[in-house]
Amino acid sequence: FDCTLLIVAVNIPSMHHWGLLVLDVNAKKFSYYDSSNKDLHIPQEVRDTIRVLDGFGRRTSLNCDLTKAPLTIAARFPQQVGGTDCGIFVMMAARALVNRLPFSFTQEDVPYFRQRFAAELVTSTLYTN
């Protein structure tokens, strides 16, 4: 395969929450993005996901032990205000990462992106602007 980022949405059921785990394939390091992680901890579900991805890493051209890859928490990541917008934050972050854009979104952008993502799903079209 040929990619530079592996992006995985991670569900944290005990918190009714979603976070984003990203593997920089070239650097072989993970970053975790969480829109409501004020105490900057890494949930067990993130570590479990890395163990699952390790099998992927060993079966591909990565050929490495991903369980030993560095894992950092993105300390400068937009934070949600409500308790129900984590999925939108995950989608906005994934889009920014794929397009190599800064995280310039805020809680105020959620209604717009909620409508935009719904329109993209309904029309099977990814809008580029």
Protein backbone atom coordinates (compact mmCIF):
# COMPACT_ATOMS: atom_id res chain seq x y z
CA PHE A 1 0.00 0.00 0.00
CA ASP A 2 1.05 3.62 -0.40
CA CYS A 3 -0.05 6.07 2.28
CA THR A 4 1.52 8.45 4.76
CA LEU A 5 -1.20 8.55 7.41
CA LEU A 6 -3.38 5.82 8.85
CA ILE A 7 -6.38 7.48 10.52
CA VAL A 8 -8.63 5.52 12.89
CA ALA A 9 -11.65 6.74 14.83
CA VAL A 10 -11.58 5.13 18.29
CA ASN A 11 -14.74 4.61 20.34
CA ILE A 12 -14.43 4.94 24.11
CA PRO A 13 -17.71 3.29 25.26
CA SER A 14 -17.28 4.08 28.97
CA MET A 15 -17.26 7.79 28.10
CA HIS A 16 -19.76 7.63 25.21
CA HIS A 17 -17.01 9.32 23.23
CA TRP A 18 -14.89 9.20 20.07
CA GLY A 19 -11.23 10.13 19.66
CA LEU A 20 -8.86 9.98 16.70
CA LEU A 21 -5.72 7.86 16.49
CA VAL A 22 -3.29 8.68 13.69
CA LEU A 23 -0.24 6.72 12.61
CA ASP A 24 2.41 8.67 10.72
CA VAL A 25 3.51 5.77 8.54
CA ASN A 26 6.90 7.22 7.60
CA ALA A 27 7.87 8.24 11.13
CA LYS A 28 6.20 5.15 12.67
CA LYS A 29 4.66 7.17 15.48
CA PHE A 30 1.11 7.64 16.75
CA SER A 31 -0.76 10.78 17.73
CA TYR A 32 -4.03 10.80 19.63
CA TYR A 33 -6.52 13.64 19.16
CA ASP A 34 -9.34 14.11 21.66
CA SER A 35 -11.80 16.99 21.75
CA SER A 36 -12.68 16.57 25.43
CA ASN A 37 -9.46 15.28 26.94
CA LYS A 38 -8.56 18.09 29.30
CA ASP A 39 -6.43 15.87 31.57
CA LEU A 40 -4.45 14.53 28.58
CA HIS A 41 -4.73 10.82 29.33
CA ILE A 42 -4.73 7.98 26.81
CA PRO A 43 -7.77 5.69 27.13
CA GLN A 44 -7.19 1.93 27.16
CA GLU A 45 -9.23 1.63 23.95
CA VAL A 46 -6.51 3.60 22.14
CA ARG A 47 -3.84 1.15 23.33
CA ASP A 48 -6.10 -1.76 22.34
CA THR A 49 -6.49 -0.26 18.85
CA ILE A 50 -2.71 0.00 18.53
CA ARG A 51 -2.42 -3.70 19.33
CA VAL A 52 -4.93 -4.48 16.57
CA LEU A 53 -3.05 -2.24 14.14
CA ASP A 54 0.18 -3.99 15.06
CA GLY A 55 -1.04 -7.04 13.17
CA PHE A 56 -1.62 -4.77 10.18
CA GLY A 57 1.85 -3.29 10.55
CA ARG A 58 3.51 -6.69 10.63
CA ARG A 59 1.63 -7.92 7.52
CA THR A 60 2.41 -4.91 5.33
CA SER A 61 5.46 -3.11 4.05
CA LEU A 62 5.69 -1.38 7.46
CA ASN A 63 7.11 -4.63 8.83
CA CYS A 64 7.46 -3.24 12.35
CA ASP A 65 6.19 -3.63 15.90
CA LEU A 66 3.64 -0.84 16.24
CA THR A 67 3.16 -1.58 19.94
CA LYS A 68 6.59 0.03 20.43
CA ALA A 69 5.85 3.08 18.29
CA PRO A 70 5.82 6.38 20.21
CA LEU A 71 2.36 7.66 21.17
CA THR A 72 1.72 11.31 21.93
CA ILE A 73 -1.42 13.21 22.84
CA ALA A 74 -2.11 16.28 20.74
CA ALA A 75 -2.06 18.96 23.42
CA ARG A 76 -3.16 21.71 21.05
CA PHE A 77 -6.40 20.38 19.68
CA PRO A 78 -9.78 22.16 19.52
CA GLN A 79 -12.01 21.27 22.44
CA GLN A 80 -15.74 20.67 22.28
CA VAL A 81 -18.11 22.46 24.63
CA GLY A 82 -21.04 20.03 24.59
CA GLY A 83 -21.06 16.33 25.21
CA THR A 84 -22.40 15.24 21.83
CA ASP A 85 -20.06 16.70 19.22
CA CYS A 86 -17.04 14.40 19.48
CA GLY A 87 -17.88 12.57 16.25
CA ILE A 88 -18.01 15.83 14.32
CA PHE A 89 -14.67 16.89 15.85
CA VAL A 90 -13.17 13.53 14.79
CA MET A 91 -14.44 14.01 11.23
CA MET A 92 -13.23 17.62 11.07
CA ALA A 93 -9.80 16.58 12.37
CA ALA A 94 -9.51 13.68 9.91
CA ARG A 95 -10.38 16.01 7.04
CA ALA A 96 -7.81 18.58 8.18
CA LEU A 97 -5.09 15.91 8.53
CA VAL A 98 -5.77 14.37 5.12
CA ASN A 99 -5.65 17.80 3.50
CA ARG A 100 -2.65 18.87 5.59
CA LEU A 101 -4.55 21.84 7.01
CA PRO A 102 -4.28 23.33 10.49
CA PHE A 103 -6.94 22.60 13.08
CA SER A 104 -8.71 25.92 12.63
CA PHE A 105 -12.21 24.75 13.57
CA THR A 106 -14.04 25.46 16.81
CA GLN A 107 -17.27 24.50 18.55
CA GLU A 108 -18.99 27.29 16.61
CA ASP A 109 -18.25 25.44 13.34
CA VAL A 110 -20.07 22.26 14.41
CA PRO A 111 -23.56 23.13 13.05
CA TYR A 112 -22.10 23.98 9.63
CA PHE A 113 -20.00 20.81 9.44
CA ARG A 114 -22.85 18.65 10.73
CA GLN A 115 -24.96 19.84 7.76
CA ARG A 116 -22.05 19.59 5.34
CA PHE A 117 -21.21 16.00 6.30
CA ALA A 118 -24.88 15.03 6.04
CA ALA A 119 -25.06 16.58 2.55
CA GLU A 120 -21.89 14.74 1.51
CA LEU A 121 -23.34 11.44 2.68
CA VAL A 122 -26.66 12.01 0.93
CA THR A 123 -25.03 13.07 -2.36
CA SER A 124 -22.04 10.67 -2.18
CA THR A 125 -19.80 13.66 -2.81
CA LEU A 126 -16.83 15.02 -0.87
CA TYR A 127 -16.80 18.79 -1.08
CA THR A 128 -13.33 20.25 -1.44
CA ASN A 129 -13.88 23.81 -0.23
